[in-house]
Amino acid sequence: MTQYVWRNQYETVELDGEWIILNTDSFTVTKLNDLGGFCWTLLQSAQTLPALLQAVHEQYEAVSPTAEQELESFVTDLMQRGLLKYAV
């Protein structure tokens, strides 16, 4: 099963429920909401999409019925931004 993990150790700051990731490789800034920041912290170690979804269900009481598709889009977006890579 495919696993994802941080590409590099990027500077990350959490301020009032928003997460800011500074990609020093491409000089970009990515903002995440609280849920995105929660997933980002989990992705410091290799994670599968089902493991991330399970963690989200355990952490948050109300989870969208489309959470699986949203999580897949989230991970794809972070991959395209160069923040994640496939874990080996």
N, C-alpha and C. Protein backbone atom coordinates (compact mmCIF):
# COMPACT_ATOMS: atom_id res chain seq x y z
N MET A 1 0.84 -1.17 0.00
CA MET A 1 0.00 0.00 0.00
C MET A 1 0.89 1.25 0.00
N THR A 2 0.49 2.26 -0.73
CA THR A 2 1.27 3.48 -0.88
C THR A 2 1.33 4.26 0.43
N GLN A 3 2.54 4.68 0.77
CA GLN A 3 2.74 5.52 1.96
C GLN A 3 3.35 6.85 1.54
N TYR A 4 3.02 7.89 2.31
CA TYR A 4 3.49 9.24 2.04
C TYR A 4 4.22 9.77 3.27
N VAL A 5 5.18 10.66 3.03
CA VAL A 5 5.97 11.23 4.11
C VAL A 5 6.51 12.59 3.65
N TRP A 6 6.90 13.43 4.61
CA TRP A 6 7.49 14.72 4.26
C TRP A 6 8.67 14.54 3.33
N ARG A 7 8.80 15.44 2.36
CA ARG A 7 9.96 15.40 1.45
C ARG A 7 11.22 15.86 2.19
N ASN A 8 11.10 16.93 2.95
CA ASN A 8 12.20 17.48 3.73
C ASN A 8 11.66 18.00 5.06
N GLN A 9 12.54 18.39 5.92
CA GLN A 9 12.17 18.98 7.21
C GLN A 9 11.91 20.47 7.00
N TYR A 10 10.68 20.81 6.63
CA TYR A 10 10.35 22.20 6.35
C TYR A 10 9.97 22.94 7.62
N GLU A 11 10.22 24.24 7.61
CA GLU A 11 9.83 25.11 8.71
C GLU A 11 8.31 25.16 8.75
N THR A 12 7.72 24.81 9.89
CA THR A 12 6.27 24.78 10.05
C THR A 12 5.90 25.53 11.32
N VAL A 13 4.88 26.39 11.21
CA VAL A 13 4.43 27.18 12.35
C VAL A 13 2.91 27.05 12.45
N GLU A 14 2.40 26.91 13.68
CA GLU A 14 0.96 26.86 13.91
C GLU A 14 0.57 28.13 14.66
N LEU A 15 -0.34 28.90 14.09
CA LEU A 15 -0.81 30.15 14.68
C LEU A 15 -2.33 30.18 14.66
N ASP A 16 -2.95 30.19 15.82
CA ASP A 16 -4.41 30.32 15.92
C ASP A 16 -5.17 29.35 15.01
N GLY A 17 -4.78 28.10 15.01
CA GLY A 17 -5.50 27.10 14.23
C GLY A 17 -5.13 27.04 12.76
N GLU A 18 -4.22 27.88 12.31
CA GLU A 18 -3.73 27.83 10.93
C GLU A 18 -2.27 27.39 10.94
N TRP A 19 -1.93 26.58 9.98
CA TRP A 19 -0.56 26.09 9.86
C TRP A 19 0.08 26.72 8.63
N ILE A 20 1.33 27.10 8.78
CA ILE A 20 2.08 27.71 7.69
C ILE A 20 3.34 26.87 7.47
N ILE A 21 3.51 26.41 6.23
CA ILE A 21 4.68 25.60 5.88
C ILE A 21 5.53 26.40 4.90
N LEU A 22 6.78 26.61 5.25
CA LEU A 22 7.70 27.33 4.38
C LEU A 22 8.58 26.30 3.66
N ASN A 23 8.35 26.18 2.36
CA ASN A 23 9.13 25.27 1.53
C ASN A 23 10.38 26.01 1.09
N THR A 24 11.48 25.74 1.75
CA THR A 24 12.73 26.44 1.46
C THR A 24 13.39 25.95 0.17
N ASP A 25 12.90 24.84 -0.38
CA ASP A 25 13.44 24.35 -1.65
C ASP A 25 12.91 25.18 -2.81
N SER A 26 11.60 25.51 -2.77
CA SER A 26 11.00 26.25 -3.88
C SER A 26 10.56 27.66 -3.47
N PHE A 27 10.88 28.04 -2.24
CA PHE A 27 10.56 29.39 -1.73
C PHE A 27 9.06 29.69 -1.83
N THR A 28 8.25 28.73 -1.35
CA THR A 28 6.80 28.91 -1.33
C THR A 28 6.28 28.78 0.09
N VAL A 29 5.10 29.32 0.30
CA VAL A 29 4.42 29.24 1.59
C VAL A 29 3.08 28.55 1.36
N THR A 30 2.77 27.56 2.19
CA THR A 30 1.49 26.86 2.10
C THR A 30 0.78 27.00 3.43
N LYS A 31 -0.49 27.42 3.38
CA LYS A 31 -1.30 27.55 4.58
C LYS A 31 -2.27 26.39 4.67
N LEU A 32 -2.41 25.83 5.88
CA LEU A 32 -3.34 24.74 6.12
C LEU A 32 -4.27 25.10 7.26
N ASN A 33 -5.48 24.57 7.22
CA ASN A 33 -6.38 24.75 8.36
C ASN A 33 -6.00 23.76 9.46
N ASP A 34 -6.78 23.73 10.52
CA ASP A 34 -6.47 22.87 11.66
C ASP A 34 -6.41 21.39 11.27
N LEU A 35 -7.37 20.94 10.48
CA LEU A 35 -7.38 19.54 10.05
C LEU A 35 -6.18 19.22 9.16
N GLY A 36 -5.88 20.13 8.23
CA GLY A 36 -4.70 19.93 7.38
C GLY A 36 -3.42 19.89 8.20
N GLY A 37 -3.33 20.76 9.21
CA GLY A 37 -2.16 20.77 10.09
C GLY A 37 -2.04 19.48 10.88
N PHE A 38 -3.18 18.95 11.33
CA PHE A 38 -3.18 17.66 12.04
C PHE A 38 -2.61 16.57 11.13
N CYS A 39 -3.11 16.51 9.90
CA CYS A 39 -2.61 15.50 8.95
C CYS A 39 -1.12 15.73 8.64
N TRP A 40 -0.73 16.99 8.51
CA TRP A 40 0.67 17.33 8.23
C TRP A 40 1.58 16.78 9.32
N THR A 41 1.18 16.92 10.57
CA THR A 41 2.03 16.42 11.66
C THR A 41 2.16 14.90 11.61
N LEU A 42 1.07 14.23 11.23
CA LEU A 42 1.13 12.76 11.11
C LEU A 42 2.05 12.32 9.99
N LEU A 43 2.11 13.12 8.93
CA LEU A 43 2.91 12.77 7.76
C LEU A 43 4.42 12.95 7.98
N GLN A 44 4.80 13.34 9.16
CA GLN A 44 6.23 13.40 9.49
C GLN A 44 6.81 11.99 9.42
N SER A 45 5.97 11.00 9.73
CA SER A 45 6.37 9.60 9.54
C SER A 45 5.47 9.02 8.45
N ALA A 46 5.91 7.96 7.81
CA ALA A 46 5.20 7.37 6.68
C ALA A 46 3.78 6.98 7.06
N GLN A 47 2.81 7.39 6.22
CA GLN A 47 1.39 7.14 6.46
C GLN A 47 0.71 6.68 5.18
N THR A 48 -0.25 5.79 5.31
CA THR A 48 -1.12 5.44 4.19
C THR A 48 -2.38 6.31 4.29
N LEU A 49 -3.13 6.41 3.21
CA LEU A 49 -4.38 7.16 3.25
C LEU A 49 -5.37 6.56 4.25
N PRO A 50 -5.53 5.22 4.30
CA PRO A 50 -6.44 4.67 5.31
C PRO A 50 -6.00 4.98 6.75
N ALA A 51 -4.71 4.98 7.01
CA ALA A 51 -4.22 5.31 8.36
C ALA A 51 -4.51 6.77 8.70
N LEU A 52 -4.33 7.66 7.74
CA LEU A 52 -4.65 9.08 7.95
C LEU A 52 -6.14 9.26 8.21
N LEU A 53 -6.96 8.59 7.41
CA LEU A 53 -8.41 8.70 7.57
C LEU A 53 -8.84 8.19 8.94
N GLN A 54 -8.27 7.10 9.39
CA GLN A 54 -8.58 6.55 10.72
C GLN A 54 -8.21 7.55 11.81
N ALA A 55 -7.04 8.16 11.69
CA ALA A 55 -6.59 9.15 12.68
C ALA A 55 -7.52 10.36 12.70
N VAL A 56 -7.99 10.79 11.53
CA VAL A 56 -8.91 11.91 11.45
C VAL A 56 -10.22 11.56 12.15
N HIS A 57 -10.73 10.35 11.90
CA HIS A 57 -11.96 9.90 12.54
C HIS A 57 -11.81 9.86 14.06
N GLU A 58 -10.65 9.45 14.54
CA GLU A 58 -10.41 9.38 15.98
C GLU A 58 -10.26 10.76 16.61
N GLN A 59 -9.69 11.71 15.87
CA GLN A 59 -9.41 13.04 16.41
C GLN A 59 -10.63 13.97 16.36
N TYR A 60 -11.43 13.84 15.31
CA TYR A 60 -12.53 14.77 15.07
C TYR A 60 -13.86 14.02 15.11
N GLU A 61 -14.81 14.55 15.87
CA GLU A 61 -16.11 13.89 16.00
C GLU A 61 -16.90 13.92 14.70
N ALA A 62 -17.02 15.08 14.10
CA ALA A 62 -17.80 15.21 12.87
C ALA A 62 -16.86 15.16 11.68
N VAL A 63 -17.01 14.12 10.88
CA VAL A 63 -16.17 13.96 9.70
C VAL A 63 -17.08 13.92 8.47
N SER A 64 -16.71 14.66 7.46
CA SER A 64 -17.49 14.75 6.23
C SER A 64 -17.65 13.38 5.58
N PRO A 65 -18.82 13.12 4.97
CA PRO A 65 -19.00 11.86 4.24
C PRO A 65 -18.03 11.72 3.06
N THR A 66 -17.50 12.84 2.60
CA THR A 66 -16.54 12.80 1.48
C THR A 66 -15.10 12.93 1.98
N ALA A 67 -14.88 12.62 3.24
CA ALA A 67 -13.55 12.79 3.85
C ALA A 67 -12.46 12.02 3.11
N GLU A 68 -12.79 10.83 2.64
CA GLU A 68 -11.77 10.02 1.95
C GLU A 68 -11.30 10.72 0.68
N GLN A 69 -12.24 11.23 -0.12
CA GLN A 69 -11.86 11.93 -1.36
C GLN A 69 -11.13 13.24 -1.04
N GLU A 70 -11.58 13.94 -0.01
CA GLU A 70 -10.93 15.19 0.38
C GLU A 70 -9.50 14.94 0.85
N LEU A 71 -9.30 13.87 1.60
CA LEU A 71 -7.97 13.53 2.08
C LEU A 71 -7.05 13.14 0.92
N GLU A 72 -7.59 12.41 -0.03
CA GLU A 72 -6.82 12.04 -1.21
C GLU A 72 -6.41 13.29 -2.00
N SER A 73 -7.33 14.24 -2.15
CA SER A 73 -7.02 15.50 -2.85
C SER A 73 -5.97 16.30 -2.08
N PHE A 74 -6.08 16.31 -0.76
CA PHE A 74 -5.13 17.02 0.09
C PHE A 74 -3.72 16.46 -0.10
N VAL A 75 -3.58 15.15 -0.05
CA VAL A 75 -2.27 14.52 -0.20
C VAL A 75 -1.73 14.77 -1.61
N THR A 76 -2.58 14.66 -2.61
CA THR A 76 -2.16 14.92 -3.99
C THR A 76 -1.66 16.35 -4.14
N ASP A 77 -2.38 17.29 -3.53
CA ASP A 77 -1.98 18.70 -3.58
C ASP A 77 -0.60 18.91 -2.93
N LEU A 78 -0.38 18.30 -1.78
CA LEU A 78 0.92 18.43 -1.10
C LEU A 78 2.03 17.78 -1.92
N MET A 79 1.71 16.70 -2.62
CA MET A 79 2.71 16.06 -3.49
C MET A 79 3.07 17.02 -4.63
N GLN A 80 2.06 17.65 -5.25
CA GLN A 80 2.30 18.56 -6.36
C GLN A 80 3.08 19.79 -5.92
N ARG A 81 2.91 20.20 -4.68
CA ARG A 81 3.64 21.35 -4.14
C ARG A 81 5.07 20.98 -3.71
N GLY A 82 5.40 19.69 -3.79
CA GLY A 82 6.75 19.25 -3.45
C GLY A 82 6.97 19.10 -1.96
N LEU A 83 5.89 19.01 -1.17
CA LEU A 83 6.04 18.90 0.28
C LEU A 83 6.05 17.45 0.75
N LEU A 84 5.46 16.55 -0.03
CA LEU A 84 5.43 15.12 0.31
C LEU A 84 6.11 14.32 -0.77
N LYS A 85 6.48 13.10 -0.39
CA LYS A 85 7.03 12.14 -1.35
C LYS A 85 6.50 10.76 -0.98
N TYR A 86 6.69 9.81 -1.86
CA TYR A 86 6.34 8.44 -1.55
C TYR A 86 7.39 7.90 -0.58
N ALA A 87 6.91 7.24 0.48
CA ALA A 87 7.85 6.65 1.44
C ALA A 87 8.41 5.38 0.83
N VAL A 88 9.64 5.10 1.16
CA VAL A 88 10.30 3.92 0.61
C VAL A 88 10.34 2.84 1.66
